[in-house]
Amino acid sequence: MQEFSTAASIPSFLTSYVLISLATNYRLALRSVTSAREKTNNAISLTLSEIYNGVFMNNIMGLTIFLALVYIRNLSWEVAAISLVVLIICTFMGLSTSFSKKFTFWTSI
């Protein structure tokens, strides 16, 4: 992943949290979108719930493992701001979607 990030001129942190998440959740997202074609409120809400759940779990688990390795091995790192932004967004979206049965349009953005 490091070589790919360097060749594509993408920060390795973004590669690990964006590209890997997209690659691993592509099948889930495709299945969810096809089930949302029913265009009922329940189907669309369930679709968004599945997507949020997958993204939330991947980001939180990846961030937890990353921070644990940094702490255990006493490594230096330069991505504190990016880590904090990912943590804040995941926490906010995870909490807001956990307590909702219907999702408003802005949450899909």
PDB file of N, CA and C in Angstrom:
ATOM      1  N   MET A   1       0.815  -1.182   0.000  1.00  0.00           N
ATOM      2  CA  MET A   1       0.000   0.000   0.000  1.00  0.00           C
ATOM      3  C   MET A   1       0.868   1.260   0.000  1.00  0.00           C
ATOM      4  N   GLN A   2       1.989   1.181   0.669  1.00  0.00           N
ATOM      5  CA  GLN A   2       2.887   2.332   0.715  1.00  0.00           C
ATOM      6  C   GLN A   2       3.393   2.680  -0.685  1.00  0.00           C
ATOM      7  N   GLU A   3       3.779   1.672  -1.445  1.00  0.00           N
ATOM      8  CA  GLU A   3       4.274   1.906  -2.803  1.00  0.00           C
ATOM      9  C   GLU A   3       3.175   2.475  -3.700  1.00  0.00           C
ATOM     10  N   PHE A   4       1.956   1.952  -3.557  1.00  0.00           N
ATOM     11  CA  PHE A   4       0.832   2.477  -4.328  1.00  0.00           C
ATOM     12  C   PHE A   4       0.564   3.929  -3.977  1.00  0.00           C
ATOM     13  N   SER A   5       0.577   4.243  -2.688  1.00  0.00           N
ATOM     14  CA  SER A   5       0.346   5.620  -2.241  1.00  0.00           C
ATOM     15  C   SER A   5       1.393   6.563  -2.795  1.00  0.00           C
ATOM     16  N   THR A   6       2.639   6.126  -2.769  1.00  0.00           N
ATOM     17  CA  THR A   6       3.719   6.963  -3.290  1.00  0.00           C
ATOM     18  C   THR A   6       3.586   7.153  -4.797  1.00  0.00           C
ATOM     19  N   ALA A   7       3.289   6.086  -5.518  1.00  0.00           N
ATOM     20  CA  ALA A   7       3.163   6.170  -6.973  1.00  0.00           C
ATOM     21  C   ALA A   7       1.966   7.025  -7.394  1.00  0.00           C
ATOM     22  N   ALA A   8       0.877   6.973  -6.624  1.00  0.00           N
ATOM     23  CA  ALA A   8      -0.323   7.731  -6.964  1.00  0.00           C
ATOM     24  C   ALA A   8      -0.329   9.123  -6.349  1.00  0.00           C
ATOM     25  N   SER A   9       0.696   9.451  -5.587  1.00  0.00           N
ATOM     26  CA  SER A   9       0.799  10.742  -4.895  1.00  0.00           C
ATOM     27  C   SER A   9      -0.391  10.986  -3.967  1.00  0.00           C
ATOM     28  N   ILE A  10      -0.794   9.934  -3.276  1.00  0.00           N
ATOM     29  CA  ILE A  10      -1.887  10.005  -2.308  1.00  0.00           C
ATOM     30  C   ILE A  10      -1.288   9.718  -0.935  1.00  0.00           C
ATOM     31  N   PRO A  11      -1.657  10.491   0.092  1.00  0.00           N
ATOM     32  CA  PRO A  11      -1.148  10.178   1.433  1.00  0.00           C
ATOM     33  C   PRO A  11      -1.543   8.754   1.846  1.00  0.00           C
ATOM     34  N   SER A  12      -0.631   8.043   2.451  1.00  0.00           N
ATOM     35  CA  SER A  12      -0.888   6.639   2.801  1.00  0.00           C
ATOM     36  C   SER A  12      -2.027   6.501   3.795  1.00  0.00           C
ATOM     37  N   PHE A  13      -2.221   7.497   4.640  1.00  0.00           N
ATOM     38  CA  PHE A  13      -3.333   7.448   5.586  1.00  0.00           C
ATOM     39  C   PHE A  13      -4.662   7.423   4.848  1.00  0.00           C
ATOM     40  N   LEU A  14      -4.805   8.277   3.830  1.00  0.00           N
ATOM     41  CA  LEU A  14      -6.045   8.298   3.060  1.00  0.00           C
ATOM     42  C   LEU A  14      -6.226   7.018   2.264  1.00  0.00           C
ATOM     43  N   THR A  15      -5.139   6.459   1.785  1.00  0.00           N
ATOM     44  CA  THR A  15      -5.231   5.196   1.055  1.00  0.00           C
ATOM     45  C   THR A  15      -5.789   4.108   1.950  1.00  0.00           C
ATOM     46  N   SER A  16      -5.288   4.038   3.165  1.00  0.00           N
ATOM     47  CA  SER A  16      -5.727   2.971   4.058  1.00  0.00           C
ATOM     48  C   SER A  16      -7.160   3.160   4.532  1.00  0.00           C
ATOM     49  N   TYR A  17      -7.630   4.385   4.677  1.00  0.00           N
ATOM     50  CA  TYR A  17      -8.978   4.595   5.181  1.00  0.00           C
ATOM     51  C   TYR A  17     -10.025   4.811   4.105  1.00  0.00           C
ATOM     52  N   VAL A  18      -9.636   5.196   2.916  1.00  0.00           N
ATOM     53  CA  VAL A  18     -10.624   5.441   1.871  1.00  0.00           C
ATOM     54  C   VAL A  18     -10.615   4.325   0.832  1.00  0.00           C
ATOM     55  N   LEU A  19      -9.473   4.099   0.200  1.00  0.00           N
ATOM     56  CA  LEU A  19      -9.430   3.120  -0.886  1.00  0.00           C
ATOM     57  C   LEU A  19      -9.655   1.693  -0.404  1.00  0.00           C
ATOM     58  N   ILE A  20      -9.062   1.340   0.709  1.00  0.00           N
ATOM     59  CA  ILE A  20      -9.258  -0.025   1.216  1.00  0.00           C
ATOM     60  C   ILE A  20     -10.702  -0.228   1.648  1.00  0.00           C
ATOM     61  N   SER A  21     -11.308   0.790   2.279  1.00  0.00           N
ATOM     62  CA  SER A  21     -12.717   0.690   2.674  1.00  0.00           C
ATOM     63  C   SER A  21     -13.619   0.530   1.466  1.00  0.00           C
ATOM     64  N   LEU A  22     -13.340   1.298   0.414  1.00  0.00           N
ATOM     65  CA  LEU A  22     -14.141   1.162  -0.800  1.00  0.00           C
ATOM     66  C   LEU A  22     -13.979  -0.222  -1.423  1.00  0.00           C
ATOM     67  N   ALA A  23     -12.773  -0.706  -1.455  1.00  0.00           N
ATOM     68  CA  ALA A  23     -12.528  -2.018  -2.064  1.00  0.00           C
ATOM     69  C   ALA A  23     -13.182  -3.144  -1.282  1.00  0.00           C
ATOM     70  N   THR A  24     -13.120  -3.076   0.040  1.00  0.00           N
ATOM     71  CA  THR A  24     -13.686  -4.164   0.833  1.00  0.00           C
ATOM     72  C   THR A  24     -15.202  -4.090   0.932  1.00  0.00           C
ATOM     73  N   ASN A  25     -15.775  -2.918   0.766  1.00  0.00           N
ATOM     74  CA  ASN A  25     -17.224  -2.777   0.909  1.00  0.00           C
ATOM     75  C   ASN A  25     -17.950  -2.597  -0.416  1.00  0.00           C
ATOM     76  N   TYR A  26     -17.267  -2.794  -1.512  1.00  0.00           N
ATOM     77  CA  TYR A  26     -17.891  -2.615  -2.821  1.00  0.00           C
ATOM     78  C   TYR A  26     -19.095  -3.535  -3.002  1.00  0.00           C
ATOM     79  N   ARG A  27     -18.945  -4.782  -2.642  1.00  0.00           N
ATOM     80  CA  ARG A  27     -20.033  -5.750  -2.829  1.00  0.00           C
ATOM     81  C   ARG A  27     -21.235  -5.391  -1.956  1.00  0.00           C
ATOM     82  N   LEU A  28     -20.986  -5.001  -0.714  1.00  0.00           N
ATOM     83  CA  LEU A  28     -22.070  -4.596   0.180  1.00  0.00           C
ATOM     84  C   LEU A  28     -22.784  -3.360  -0.363  1.00  0.00           C
ATOM     85  N   ALA A  29     -22.015  -2.393  -0.828  1.00  0.00           N
ATOM     86  CA  ALA A  29     -22.624  -1.178  -1.361  1.00  0.00           C
ATOM     87  C   ALA A  29     -23.451  -1.479  -2.612  1.00  0.00           C
ATOM     88  N   LEU A  30     -22.946  -2.326  -3.480  1.00  0.00           N
ATOM     89  CA  LEU A  30     -23.685  -2.683  -4.691  1.00  0.00           C
ATOM     90  C   LEU A  30     -24.981  -3.406  -4.351  1.00  0.00           C
ATOM     91  N   ARG A  31     -24.921  -4.343  -3.412  1.00  0.00           N
ATOM     92  CA  ARG A  31     -26.119  -5.068  -2.986  1.00  0.00           C
ATOM     93  C   ARG A  31     -27.120  -4.124  -2.334  1.00  0.00           C
ATOM     94  N   SER A  32     -26.610  -3.180  -1.550  1.00  0.00           N
ATOM     95  CA  SER A  32     -27.487  -2.229  -0.870  1.00  0.00           C
ATOM     96  C   SER A  32     -28.189  -1.314  -1.856  1.00  0.00           C
ATOM     97  N   VAL A  33     -27.461  -0.856  -2.847  1.00  0.00           N
ATOM     98  CA  VAL A  33     -28.062   0.035  -3.840  1.00  0.00           C
ATOM     99  C   VAL A  33     -29.120  -0.695  -4.650  1.00  0.00           C
ATOM    100  N   THR A  34     -28.875  -1.940  -4.982  1.00  0.00           N
ATOM    101  CA  THR A  34     -29.886  -2.683  -5.741  1.00  0.00           C
ATOM    102  C   THR A  34     -31.138  -2.936  -4.904  1.00  0.00           C
ATOM    103  N   SER A  35     -30.974  -3.134  -3.595  1.00  0.00           N
ATOM    104  CA  SER A  35     -32.163  -3.317  -2.756  1.00  0.00           C
ATOM    105  C   SER A  35     -32.895  -2.000  -2.538  1.00  0.00           C
ATOM    106  N   ALA A  36     -32.199  -0.885  -2.645  1.00  0.00           N
ATOM    107  CA  ALA A  36     -32.842   0.426  -2.474  1.00  0.00           C
ATOM    108  C   ALA A  36     -33.650   0.828  -3.696  1.00  0.00           C
ATOM    109  N   ARG A  37     -33.515   0.103  -4.772  1.00  0.00           N
ATOM    110  CA  ARG A  37     -34.280   0.431  -5.979  1.00  0.00           C
ATOM    111  C   ARG A  37     -35.768   0.212  -5.789  1.00  0.00           C
ATOM    112  N   GLU A  38     -36.129  -0.452  -4.689  1.00  0.00           N
ATOM    113  CA  GLU A  38     -37.556  -0.629  -4.400  1.00  0.00           C
ATOM    114  C   GLU A  38     -38.226   0.717  -4.124  1.00  0.00           C
ATOM    115  N   LYS A  39     -37.430   1.701  -3.714  1.00  0.00           N
ATOM    116  CA  LYS A  39     -37.865   3.081  -3.476  1.00  0.00           C
ATOM    117  C   LYS A  39     -38.937   3.197  -2.402  1.00  0.00           C
ATOM    118  N   THR A  40     -38.873   2.344  -1.402  1.00  0.00           N
ATOM    119  CA  THR A  40     -39.722   2.524  -0.231  1.00  0.00           C
ATOM    120  C   THR A  40     -38.866   3.131   0.872  1.00  0.00           C
ATOM    121  N   ASN A  41     -39.504   3.834   1.772  1.00  0.00           N
ATOM    122  CA  ASN A  41     -38.757   4.456   2.871  1.00  0.00           C
ATOM    123  C   ASN A  41     -37.997   3.428   3.688  1.00  0.00           C
ATOM    124  N   ASN A  42     -38.614   2.287   3.917  1.00  0.00           N
ATOM    125  CA  ASN A  42     -37.980   1.245   4.722  1.00  0.00           C
ATOM    126  C   ASN A  42     -36.754   0.670   4.012  1.00  0.00           C
ATOM    127  N   ALA A  43     -36.859   0.406   2.719  1.00  0.00           N
ATOM    128  CA  ALA A  43     -35.732  -0.168   1.970  1.00  0.00           C
ATOM    129  C   ALA A  43     -34.564   0.795   1.903  1.00  0.00           C
ATOM    130  N   ILE A  44     -34.854   2.062   1.682  1.00  0.00           N
ATOM    131  CA  ILE A  44     -33.784   3.048   1.586  1.00  0.00           C
ATOM    132  C   ILE A  44     -33.135   3.270   2.950  1.00  0.00           C
ATOM    133  N   SER A  45     -33.928   3.317   4.009  1.00  0.00           N
ATOM    134  CA  SER A  45     -33.362   3.477   5.352  1.00  0.00           C
ATOM    135  C   SER A  45     -32.492   2.284   5.734  1.00  0.00           C
ATOM    136  N   LEU A  46     -32.937   1.088   5.387  1.00  0.00           N
ATOM    137  CA  LEU A  46     -32.122  -0.092   5.672  1.00  0.00           C
ATOM    138  C   LEU A  46     -30.829  -0.082   4.872  1.00  0.00           C
ATOM    139  N   THR A  47     -30.900   0.389   3.649  1.00  0.00           N
ATOM    140  CA  THR A  47     -29.702   0.489   2.818  1.00  0.00           C
ATOM    141  C   THR A  47     -28.700   1.452   3.428  1.00  0.00           C
ATOM    142  N   LEU A  48     -29.147   2.637   3.805  1.00  0.00           N
ATOM    143  CA  LEU A  48     -28.251   3.605   4.428  1.00  0.00           C
ATOM    144  C   LEU A  48     -27.703   3.079   5.750  1.00  0.00           C
ATOM    145  N   SER A  49     -28.540   2.370   6.487  1.00  0.00           N
ATOM    146  CA  SER A  49     -28.087   1.797   7.756  1.00  0.00           C
ATOM    147  C   SER A  49     -26.967   0.776   7.533  1.00  0.00           C
ATOM    148  N   GLU A  50     -27.098  -0.067   6.528  1.00  0.00           N
ATOM    149  CA  GLU A  50     -26.051  -1.044   6.223  1.00  0.00           C
ATOM    150  C   GLU A  50     -24.754  -0.356   5.808  1.00  0.00           C
ATOM    151  N   ILE A  51     -24.872   0.670   4.979  1.00  0.00           N
ATOM    152  CA  ILE A  51     -23.677   1.381   4.520  1.00  0.00           C
ATOM    153  C   ILE A  51     -23.000   2.086   5.685  1.00  0.00           C
ATOM    154  N   TYR A  52     -23.776   2.787   6.505  1.00  0.00           N
ATOM    155  CA  TYR A  52     -23.199   3.473   7.657  1.00  0.00           C
ATOM    156  C   TYR A  52     -22.544   2.489   8.612  1.00  0.00           C
ATOM    157  N   ASN A  53     -23.192   1.361   8.833  1.00  0.00           N
ATOM    158  CA  ASN A  53     -22.639   0.351   9.732  1.00  0.00           C
ATOM    159  C   ASN A  53     -21.295  -0.152   9.213  1.00  0.00           C
ATOM    160  N   GLY A  54     -21.220  -0.465   7.928  1.00  0.00           N
ATOM    161  CA  GLY A  54     -19.974  -0.951   7.352  1.00  0.00           C
ATOM    162  C   GLY A  54     -18.862   0.072   7.410  1.00  0.00           C
ATOM    163  N   VAL A  55     -19.173   1.304   7.046  1.00  0.00           N
ATOM    164  CA  VAL A  55     -18.167   2.362   7.063  1.00  0.00           C
ATOM    165  C   VAL A  55     -17.722   2.657   8.487  1.00  0.00           C
ATOM    166  N   PHE A  56     -18.672   2.751   9.399  1.00  0.00           N
ATOM    167  CA  PHE A  56     -18.353   3.039  10.791  1.00  0.00           C
ATOM    168  C   PHE A  56     -17.450   1.958  11.390  1.00  0.00           C
ATOM    169  N   MET A  57     -17.815   0.715  11.197  1.00  0.00           N
ATOM    170  CA  MET A  57     -17.034  -0.382  11.784  1.00  0.00           C
ATOM    171  C   MET A  57     -15.641  -0.454  11.160  1.00  0.00           C
ATOM    172  N   ASN A  58     -15.538  -0.300   9.857  1.00  0.00           N
ATOM    173  CA  ASN A  58     -14.224  -0.345   9.215  1.00  0.00           C
ATOM    174  C   ASN A  58     -13.321   0.775   9.700  1.00  0.00           C
ATOM    175  N   ASN A  59     -13.846   1.988   9.755  1.00  0.00           N
ATOM    176  CA  ASN A  59     -13.029   3.123  10.166  1.00  0.00           C
ATOM    177  C   ASN A  59     -12.647   3.047  11.638  1.00  0.00           C
ATOM    178  N   ILE A  60     -13.597   2.714  12.487  1.00  0.00           N
ATOM    179  CA  ILE A  60     -13.287   2.652  13.921  1.00  0.00           C
ATOM    180  C   ILE A  60     -12.322   1.507  14.214  1.00  0.00           C
ATOM    181  N   MET A  61     -12.536   0.359  13.607  1.00  0.00           N
ATOM    182  CA  MET A  61     -11.624  -0.765  13.850  1.00  0.00           C
ATOM    183  C   MET A  61     -10.240  -0.465  13.298  1.00  0.00           C
ATOM    184  N   GLY A  62     -10.171   0.093  12.108  1.00  0.00           N
ATOM    185  CA  GLY A  62      -8.872   0.447  11.536  1.00  0.00           C
ATOM    186  C   GLY A  62      -8.154   1.491  12.359  1.00  0.00           C
ATOM    187  N   LEU A  63      -8.881   2.503  12.807  1.00  0.00           N
ATOM    188  CA  LEU A  63      -8.289   3.562  13.624  1.00  0.00           C
ATOM    189  C   LEU A  63      -7.841   3.021  14.970  1.00  0.00           C
ATOM    190  N   THR A  64      -8.621   2.142  15.561  1.00  0.00           N
ATOM    191  CA  THR A  64      -8.257   1.553  16.848  1.00  0.00           C
ATOM    192  C   THR A  64      -6.981   0.723  16.730  1.00  0.00           C
ATOM    193  N   ILE A  65      -6.910  -0.099  15.711  1.00  0.00           N
ATOM    194  CA  ILE A  65      -5.709  -0.924  15.508  1.00  0.00           C
ATOM    195  C   ILE A  65      -4.500  -0.039  15.235  1.00  0.00           C
ATOM    196  N   PHE A  66      -4.690   0.983  14.398  1.00  0.00           N
ATOM    197  CA  PHE A  66      -3.600   1.902  14.085  1.00  0.00           C
ATOM    198  C   PHE A  66      -3.095   2.606  15.343  1.00  0.00           C
ATOM    199  N   LEU A  67      -4.000   3.155  16.127  1.00  0.00           N
ATOM    200  CA  LEU A  67      -3.595   3.867  17.336  1.00  0.00           C
ATOM    201  C   LEU A  67      -2.990   2.929  18.376  1.00  0.00           C
ATOM    202  N   ALA A  68      -3.493   1.708  18.458  1.00  0.00           N
ATOM    203  CA  ALA A  68      -2.919   0.736  19.386  1.00  0.00           C
ATOM    204  C   ALA A  68      -1.485   0.393  18.996  1.00  0.00           C
ATOM    205  N   LEU A  69      -1.239   0.191  17.715  1.00  0.00           N
ATOM    206  CA  LEU A  69       0.126  -0.100  17.260  1.00  0.00           C
ATOM    207  C   LEU A  69       1.067   1.075  17.516  1.00  0.00           C
ATOM    208  N   VAL A  70       0.587   2.271  17.272  1.00  0.00           N
ATOM    209  CA  VAL A  70       1.407   3.460  17.529  1.00  0.00           C
ATOM    210  C   VAL A  70       1.749   3.547  19.019  1.00  0.00           C
ATOM    211  N   TYR A  71       0.760   3.291  19.856  1.00  0.00           N
ATOM    212  CA  TYR A  71       0.974   3.378  21.302  1.00  0.00           C
ATOM    213  C   TYR A  71       1.881   2.254  21.811  1.00  0.00           C
ATOM    214  N   ILE A  72       1.604   1.016  21.398  1.00  0.00           N
ATOM    215  CA  ILE A  72       2.363  -0.141  21.893  1.00  0.00           C
ATOM    216  C   ILE A  72       3.821  -0.074  21.458  1.00  0.00           C
ATOM    217  N   ARG A  73       4.053   0.302  20.218  1.00  0.00           N
ATOM    218  CA  ARG A  73       5.425   0.339  19.697  1.00  0.00           C
ATOM    219  C   ARG A  73       6.102   1.691  19.884  1.00  0.00           C
ATOM    220  N   ASN A  74       5.380   2.624  20.487  1.00  0.00           N
ATOM    221  CA  ASN A  74       5.912   3.956  20.763  1.00  0.00           C
ATOM    222  C   ASN A  74       6.454   4.615  19.484  1.00  0.00           C
ATOM    223  N   LEU A  75       5.646   4.551  18.418  1.00  0.00           N
ATOM    224  CA  LEU A  75       6.037   5.103  17.125  1.00  0.00           C
ATOM    225  C   LEU A  75       5.703   6.588  17.053  1.00  0.00           C
ATOM    226  N   SER A  76       6.446   7.299  16.241  1.00  0.00           N
ATOM    227  CA  SER A  76       6.099   8.693  15.989  1.00  0.00           C
ATOM    228  C   SER A  76       5.170   8.732  14.779  1.00  0.00           C
ATOM    229  N   TRP A  77       4.256   9.663  14.779  1.00  0.00           N
ATOM    230  CA  TRP A  77       3.315   9.767  13.684  1.00  0.00           C
ATOM    231  C   TRP A  77       2.932  11.215  13.470  1.00  0.00           C
ATOM    232  N   GLU A  78       2.524  11.506  12.246  1.00  0.00           N
ATOM    233  CA  GLU A  78       2.247  12.879  11.856  1.00  0.00           C
ATOM    234  C   GLU A  78       0.828  13.048  11.332  1.00  0.00           C
ATOM    235  N   VAL A  79      -0.075  12.214  11.772  1.00  0.00           N
ATOM    236  CA  VAL A  79      -1.443  12.260  11.255  1.00  0.00           C
ATOM    237  C   VAL A  79      -2.463  12.469  12.375  1.00  0.00           C
ATOM    238  N   ALA A  80      -2.090  13.208  13.406  1.00  0.00           N
ATOM    239  CA  ALA A  80      -2.991  13.415  14.532  1.00  0.00           C
ATOM    240  C   ALA A  80      -4.261  14.135  14.109  1.00  0.00           C
ATOM    241  N   ALA A  81      -4.152  15.157  13.287  1.00  0.00           N
ATOM    242  CA  ALA A  81      -5.328  15.922  12.855  1.00  0.00           C
ATOM    243  C   ALA A  81      -6.260  15.061  12.006  1.00  0.00           C
ATOM    244  N   ILE A  82      -5.692  14.280  11.106  1.00  0.00           N
ATOM    245  CA  ILE A  82      -6.521  13.419  10.252  1.00  0.00           C
ATOM    246  C   ILE A  82      -7.209  12.352  11.098  1.00  0.00           C
ATOM    247  N   SER A  83      -6.492  11.778  12.040  1.00  0.00           N
ATOM    248  CA  SER A  83      -7.077  10.770  12.924  1.00  0.00           C
ATOM    249  C   SER A  83      -8.214  11.353  13.737  1.00  0.00           C
ATOM    250  N   LEU A  84      -8.027  12.557  14.238  1.00  0.00           N
ATOM    251  CA  LEU A  84      -9.067  13.202  15.027  1.00  0.00           C
ATOM    252  C   LEU A  84     -10.300  13.492  14.185  1.00  0.00           C
ATOM    253  N   VAL A  85     -10.111  13.936  12.960  1.00  0.00           N
ATOM    254  CA  VAL A  85     -11.248  14.204  12.076  1.00  0.00           C
ATOM    255  C   VAL A  85     -12.014  12.916  11.783  1.00  0.00           C
ATOM    256  N   VAL A  86     -11.306  11.830  11.480  1.00  0.00           N
ATOM    257  CA  VAL A  86     -11.963  10.544  11.221  1.00  0.00           C
ATOM    258  C   VAL A  86     -12.733  10.091  12.461  1.00  0.00           C
ATOM    259  N   LEU A  87     -12.139  10.223  13.621  1.00  0.00           N
ATOM    260  CA  LEU A  87     -12.793   9.813  14.865  1.00  0.00           C
ATOM    261  C   LEU A  87     -14.038  10.647  15.138  1.00  0.00           C
ATOM    262  N   ILE A  88     -13.956  11.949  14.953  1.00  0.00           N
ATOM    263  CA  ILE A  88     -15.111  12.820  15.204  1.00  0.00           C
ATOM    264  C   ILE A  88     -16.239  12.526  14.223  1.00  0.00           C
ATOM    265  N   ILE A  89     -15.917  12.410  12.943  1.00  0.00           N
ATOM    266  CA  ILE A  89     -16.957  12.147  11.940  1.00  0.00           C
ATOM    267  C   ILE A  89     -17.603  10.785  12.166  1.00  0.00           C
ATOM    268  N   CYS A  90     -16.783   9.769  12.430  1.00  0.00           N
ATOM    269  CA  CYS A  90     -17.334   8.427  12.661  1.00  0.00           C
ATOM    270  C   CYS A  90     -18.208   8.396  13.905  1.00  0.00           C
ATOM    271  N   THR A  91     -17.775   9.061  14.946  1.00  0.00           N
ATOM    272  CA  THR A  91     -18.569   9.084  16.177  1.00  0.00           C
ATOM    273  C   THR A  91     -19.887   9.813  15.958  1.00  0.00           C
ATOM    274  N   PHE A  92     -19.830  10.975  15.324  1.00  0.00           N
ATOM    275  CA  PHE A  92     -21.053  11.744  15.071  1.00  0.00           C
ATOM    276  C   PHE A  92     -22.026  10.963  14.190  1.00  0.00           C
ATOM    277  N   MET A  93     -21.547  10.448  13.071  1.00  0.00           N
ATOM    278  CA  MET A  93     -22.430   9.724  12.160  1.00  0.00           C
ATOM    279  C   MET A  93     -22.912   8.411  12.774  1.00  0.00           C
ATOM    280  N   GLY A  94     -22.035   7.736  13.521  1.00  0.00           N
ATOM    281  CA  GLY A  94     -22.439   6.495  14.168  1.00  0.00           C
ATOM    282  C   GLY A  94     -23.534   6.720  15.188  1.00  0.00           C
ATOM    283  N   LEU A  95     -23.385   7.749  16.004  1.00  0.00           N
ATOM    284  CA  LEU A  95     -24.406   8.045  17.006  1.00  0.00           C
ATOM    285  C   LEU A  95     -25.702   8.554  16.379  1.00  0.00           C
ATOM    286  N   SER A  96     -25.579   9.452  15.410  1.00  0.00           N
ATOM    287  CA  SER A  96     -26.792  10.008  14.802  1.00  0.00           C
ATOM    288  C   SER A  96     -27.578   8.960  14.025  1.00  0.00           C
ATOM    289  N   THR A  97     -26.907   8.026  13.406  1.00  0.00           N
ATOM    290  CA  THR A  97     -27.632   6.997  12.647  1.00  0.00           C
ATOM    291  C   THR A  97     -28.049   5.815  13.510  1.00  0.00           C
ATOM    292  N   SER A  98     -27.451   5.655  14.672  1.00  0.00           N
ATOM    293  CA  SER A  98     -27.845   4.560  15.557  1.00  0.00           C
ATOM    294  C   SER A  98     -29.219   4.791  16.163  1.00  0.00           C
ATOM    295  N   PHE A  99     -29.556   6.037  16.356  1.00  0.00           N
ATOM    296  CA  PHE A  99     -30.815   6.360  17.011  1.00  0.00           C
ATOM    297  C   PHE A  99     -31.895   6.810  16.042  1.00  0.00           C
ATOM    298  N   SER A 100     -31.703   6.582  14.764  1.00  0.00           N
ATOM    299  CA  SER A 100     -32.679   7.002  13.756  1.00  0.00           C
ATOM    300  C   SER A 100     -33.292   5.795  13.084  1.00  0.00           C
ATOM    301  N   LYS A 101     -34.582   5.916  12.786  1.00  0.00           N
ATOM    302  CA  LYS A 101     -35.230   4.877  11.996  1.00  0.00           C
ATOM    303  C   LYS A 101     -35.414   5.346  10.559  1.00  0.00           C
ATOM    304  N   LYS A 102     -35.478   6.662  10.380  1.00  0.00           N
ATOM    305  CA  LYS A 102     -35.541   7.244   9.042  1.00  0.00           C
ATOM    306  C   LYS A 102     -34.364   8.187   8.912  1.00  0.00           C
ATOM    307  N   PHE A 103     -33.778   8.209   7.738  1.00  0.00           N
ATOM    308  CA  PHE A 103     -32.618   9.040   7.489  1.00  0.00           C
ATOM    309  C   PHE A 103     -33.009  10.200   6.589  1.00  0.00           C
ATOM    310  N   THR A 104     -32.567  11.375   6.979  1.00  0.00           N
ATOM    311  CA  THR A 104     -32.838  12.550   6.164  1.00  0.00           C
ATOM    312  C   THR A 104     -31.823  12.593   5.014  1.00  0.00           C
ATOM    313  N   PHE A 105     -32.099  13.422   4.040  1.00  0.00           N
ATOM    314  CA  PHE A 105     -31.256  13.480   2.852  1.00  0.00           C
ATOM    315  C   PHE A 105     -29.831  13.923   3.183  1.00  0.00           C
ATOM    316  N   TRP A 106     -29.666  14.847   4.123  1.00  0.00           N
ATOM    317  CA  TRP A 106     -28.336  15.363   4.414  1.00  0.00           C
ATOM    318  C   TRP A 106     -27.392  14.277   4.938  1.00  0.00           C
ATOM    319  N   THR A 107     -27.923  13.226   5.561  1.00  0.00           N
ATOM    320  CA  THR A 107     -27.039  12.178   6.060  1.00  0.00           C
ATOM    321  C   THR A 107     -26.439  11.351   4.942  1.00  0.00           C
ATOM    322  N   SER A 108     -27.058  11.352   3.783  1.00  0.00           N
ATOM    323  CA  SER A 108     -26.480  10.606   2.666  1.00  0.00           C
ATOM    324  C   SER A 108     -25.297  11.335   2.051  1.00  0.00           C
ATOM    325  N   ILE A 109     -25.218  12.630   2.279  1.00  0.00           N
ATOM    326  CA  ILE A 109     -24.105  13.408   1.761  1.00  0.00           C
ATOM    327  C   ILE A 109     -22.900  13.176   2.614  1.00  0.00           C
TER     328      ILE A 109
END
